[in-house]
C-alpha atoms as a PDB file:
ATOM      1  CA  MET A   1     109.695  96.413 124.263  1.00  0.00           C
ATOM      2  CA  SER A   2     110.390  93.381 123.103  1.00  0.00           C
ATOM      3  CA  LYS A   3     109.605  92.249 119.749  1.00  0.00           C
ATOM      4  CA  VAL A   4     107.486  88.940 118.589  1.00  0.00           C
ATOM      5  CA  ALA A   5     108.016  87.861 114.550  1.00  0.00           C
ATOM      6  CA  ILE A   6     105.320  85.535 113.220  1.00  0.00           C
ATOM      7  CA  VAL A   7     105.053  83.750 110.098  1.00  0.00           C
ATOM      8  CA  CYS A   8     102.186  82.842 108.767  1.00  0.00           C
ATOM      9  CA  ASN A   9     102.326  79.731 105.514  1.00  0.00           C
ATOM     10  CA  GLY A  10      98.816  79.203 104.620  1.00  0.00           C
ATOM     11  CA  CYS A  11      95.510  80.406 104.565  1.00  0.00           C
ATOM     12  CA  GLU A  12      93.337  77.485 106.507  1.00  0.00           C
ATOM     13  CA  PRO A  13      92.076  78.346 110.094  1.00  0.00           C
ATOM     14  CA  LYS A  14      94.925  76.022 110.749  1.00  0.00           C
ATOM     15  CA  SER A  15      97.609  78.587 110.373  1.00  0.00           C
ATOM     16  CA  ILE A  16      95.387  81.794 110.352  1.00  0.00           C
ATOM     17  CA  TYR A  17      93.908  81.172 114.309  1.00  0.00           C
ATOM     18  CA  PRO A  18      97.315  80.344 115.863  1.00  0.00           C
ATOM     19  CA  SER A  19      99.364  83.313 113.918  1.00  0.00           C
ATOM     20  CA  PHE A  20      96.499  85.999 115.307  1.00  0.00           C
ATOM     21  CA  VAL A  21      95.866  84.490 118.548  1.00  0.00           C
ATOM     22  CA  PHE A  22      99.518  84.457 119.400  1.00  0.00           C
ATOM     23  CA  GLY A  23      99.876  87.786 117.696  1.00  0.00           C
ATOM     24  CA  SER A  24      97.153  89.703 119.455  1.00  0.00           C
ATOM     25  CA  ALA A  25      98.199  88.067 123.155  1.00  0.00           C
ATOM     26  CA  ALA A  26     101.632  89.074 122.411  1.00  0.00           C
ATOM     27  CA  ALA A  27     100.304  92.533 121.153  1.00  0.00           C
ATOM     28  CA  ALA A  28      97.987  93.237 124.295  1.00  0.00           C
ATOM     29  CA  LEU A  29     101.331  92.235 126.479  1.00  0.00           C
ATOM     30  CA  GLY A  30     102.707  95.381 125.112  1.00  0.00           C
ATOM     31  CA  GLU A  31     105.120  93.644 123.018  1.00  0.00           C
ATOM     32  CA  GLU A  32     105.672  94.887 119.033  1.00  0.00           C
ATOM     33  CA  VAL A  33     104.731  92.224 116.764  1.00  0.00           C
ATOM     34  CA  VAL A  34     105.159  91.964 113.162  1.00  0.00           C
ATOM     35  CA  LEU A  35     103.482  88.869 111.320  1.00  0.00           C
ATOM     36  CA  LEU A  36     104.529  88.074 107.729  1.00  0.00           C
ATOM     37  CA  VAL A  37     101.942  86.308 105.569  1.00  0.00           C
ATOM     38  CA  CYS A  38     103.623  84.019 103.100  1.00  0.00           C
ATOM     39  CA  PRO A  39     102.113  83.520  99.405  1.00  0.00           C
ATOM     40  CA  ALA A  40     100.522  80.493 100.769  1.00  0.00           C
ATOM     41  CA  GLY A  41      98.804  82.376 103.294  1.00  0.00           C
ATOM     42  CA  ALA A  42      97.840  85.152 100.808  1.00  0.00           C
ATOM     43  CA  PRO A  43      94.108  84.297  99.923  1.00  0.00           C
ATOM     44  CA  ALA A  44      93.286  85.363 103.570  1.00  0.00           C
ATOM     45  CA  MET A  45      94.448  88.523 103.222  1.00  0.00           C
ATOM     46  CA  ARG A  46      91.905  89.771 100.357  1.00  0.00           C
ATOM     47  CA  ALA A  47      89.258  92.057 102.087  1.00  0.00           C
ATOM     48  CA  GLY A  48      86.590  90.082 103.705  1.00  0.00           C
ATOM     49  CA  GLU A  49      88.006  85.851 103.454  1.00  0.00           C
ATOM     50  CA  LEU A  50      88.905  85.940 107.240  1.00  0.00           C
ATOM     51  CA  GLU A  51      85.114  86.774 108.123  1.00  0.00           C
ATOM     52  CA  LYS A  52      84.136  83.751 106.086  1.00  0.00           C
ATOM     53  CA  MET A  53      87.052  81.974 108.009  1.00  0.00           C
ATOM     54  CA  GLN A  54      85.309  81.125 111.032  1.00  0.00           C
ATOM     55  CA  VAL A  55      85.543  77.880 113.562  1.00  0.00           C
ATOM     56  CA  PRO A  56      82.881  76.882 116.285  1.00  0.00           C
ATOM     57  CA  GLY A  57      84.899  77.345 119.620  1.00  0.00           C
ATOM     58  CA  MET A  58      86.836  79.599 118.276  1.00  0.00           C
ATOM     59  CA  PRO A  59      87.562  83.142 119.061  1.00  0.00           C
ATOM     60  CA  ASP A  60      85.601  85.752 115.992  1.00  0.00           C
ATOM     61  CA  LEU A  61      88.336  86.338 113.383  1.00  0.00           C
ATOM     62  CA  SER A  62      87.657  89.679 112.318  1.00  0.00           C
ATOM     63  CA  ASP A  63      87.361  90.468 116.305  1.00  0.00           C
ATOM     64  CA  LEU A  64      91.275  88.730 116.447  1.00  0.00           C
ATOM     65  CA  VAL A  65      92.476  90.599 113.551  1.00  0.00           C
ATOM     66  CA  SER A  66      91.127  94.062 114.620  1.00  0.00           C
ATOM     67  CA  GLY A  67      92.080  93.710 117.953  1.00  0.00           C
ATOM     68  CA  PHE A  68      95.937  92.704 116.839  1.00  0.00           C
ATOM     69  CA  GLN A  69      96.172  96.116 114.785  1.00  0.00           C
ATOM     70  CA  SER A  70      94.520  97.891 117.521  1.00  0.00           C
ATOM     71  CA  ALA A  71      97.395  97.035 119.988  1.00  0.00           C
ATOM     72  CA  GLY A  72      99.971  98.145 117.406  1.00  0.00           C
ATOM     73  CA  GLY A  73     100.845  94.583 115.134  1.00  0.00           C
ATOM     74  CA  ARG A  74     101.400  94.927 111.963  1.00  0.00           C
ATOM     75  CA  ILE A  75     100.447  92.549 109.367  1.00  0.00           C
ATOM     76  CA  GLN A  76     102.515  92.211 106.041  1.00  0.00           C
ATOM     77  CA  LEU A  77     102.430  90.475 103.229  1.00  0.00           C
ATOM     78  CA  CYS A  78     105.417  88.958 101.127  1.00  0.00           C
ATOM     79  CA  GLU A  79     105.084  91.024  97.757  1.00  0.00           C
ATOM     80  CA  LEU A  80     105.312  87.250  96.067  1.00  0.00           C
ATOM     81  CA  ALA A  81     102.048  86.942  96.418  1.00  0.00           C
ATOM     82  CA  LEU A  82     101.357  89.750  94.263  1.00  0.00           C
ATOM     83  CA  GLU A  83     104.173  88.947  91.607  1.00  0.00           C
ATOM     84  CA  THR A  84     102.523  85.083  91.634  1.00  0.00           C
ATOM     85  CA  GLY A  85      99.186  86.468  91.022  1.00  0.00           C
ATOM     86  CA  ALA A  86      97.530  85.192  94.169  1.00  0.00           C
ATOM     87  CA  LEU A  87      95.877  88.052  94.550  1.00  0.00           C
ATOM     88  CA  MET A  88      95.914  91.994  93.423  1.00  0.00           C
ATOM     89  CA  MET A  89      96.925  95.017  95.254  1.00  0.00           C
ATOM     90  CA  GLU A  90      93.203  96.387  95.127  1.00  0.00           C
ATOM     91  CA  GLU A  91      91.771  93.092  96.619  1.00  0.00           C
ATOM     92  CA  LEU A  92      93.911  93.268 100.121  1.00  0.00           C
ATOM     93  CA  ARG A  93      92.434  93.885 103.760  1.00  0.00           C
ATOM     94  CA  GLU A  94      92.836  97.511 105.063  1.00  0.00           C
ATOM     95  CA  GLY A  95      95.796  98.024 106.863  1.00  0.00           C
ATOM     96  CA  VAL A  96      98.127  94.991 105.083  1.00  0.00           C
ATOM     97  CA  GLU A  97     101.812  95.926 103.916  1.00  0.00           C
ATOM     98  CA  VAL A  98     103.222  94.563 100.857  1.00  0.00           C
ATOM     99  CA  VAL A  99     106.702  93.613 102.028  1.00  0.00           C
ATOM    100  CA  GLY A 100     109.629  91.873 100.720  1.00  0.00           C
ATOM    101  CA  VAL A 101     111.065  89.148 102.528  1.00  0.00           C
ATOM    102  CA  THR A 102     114.440  91.289 103.458  1.00  0.00           C
ATOM    103  CA  THR A 103     112.008  94.392 105.010  1.00  0.00           C
ATOM    104  CA  PHE A 104     110.621  91.789 106.933  1.00  0.00           C
ATOM    105  CA  LEU A 105     114.008  90.493 108.275  1.00  0.00           C
ATOM    106  CA  VAL A 106     115.557  93.805 109.085  1.00  0.00           C
ATOM    107  CA  ASP A 107     111.716  94.794 111.050  1.00  0.00           C
ATOM    108  CA  THR A 108     112.325  91.268 113.152  1.00  0.00           C
ATOM    109  CA  GLN A 109     116.183  91.136 113.551  1.00  0.00           C
ATOM    110  CA  ASP A 110     115.939  91.709 117.495  1.00  0.00           C
ATOM    111  CA  ALA A 111     112.817  89.887 117.719  1.00  0.00           C
ATOM    112  CA  SER A 112     113.362  87.949 120.935  1.00  0.00           C
ATOM    113  CA  ARG A 113     110.548  85.946 119.974  1.00  0.00           C
ATOM    114  CA  THR A 114     109.366  84.073 116.772  1.00  0.00           C
ATOM    115  CA  PHE A 115     106.312  81.571 115.904  1.00  0.00           C
ATOM    116  CA  CYS A 116     105.737  79.974 112.242  1.00  0.00           C
ATOM    117  CA  PHE A 117     102.341  78.154 111.434  1.00  0.00           C
END
């Protein structure tokens, strides 16, 4: 199985949608996918935020995230988001792991593909 690393560096639809579309597609193909959300994207990881972010003509974002996670995709949030006060641990959506960048780098060191949005 190959591995895909995705870095999401924003909380706007232009960053969130491609991160989860690419991630969902790769996970559906059986690839191991690790998606790191940088502090700039942290507000989107607040419970209920993605459900508010719908773009006409685009897939339902909460369905994409659910499908991504159901297929084994992992969402990691950079711990700096909590340290800067962008959000608090109890505000996180379910299934989000808080990690340091070192953990992400170790988890994805053998990734065959990397995307950044």
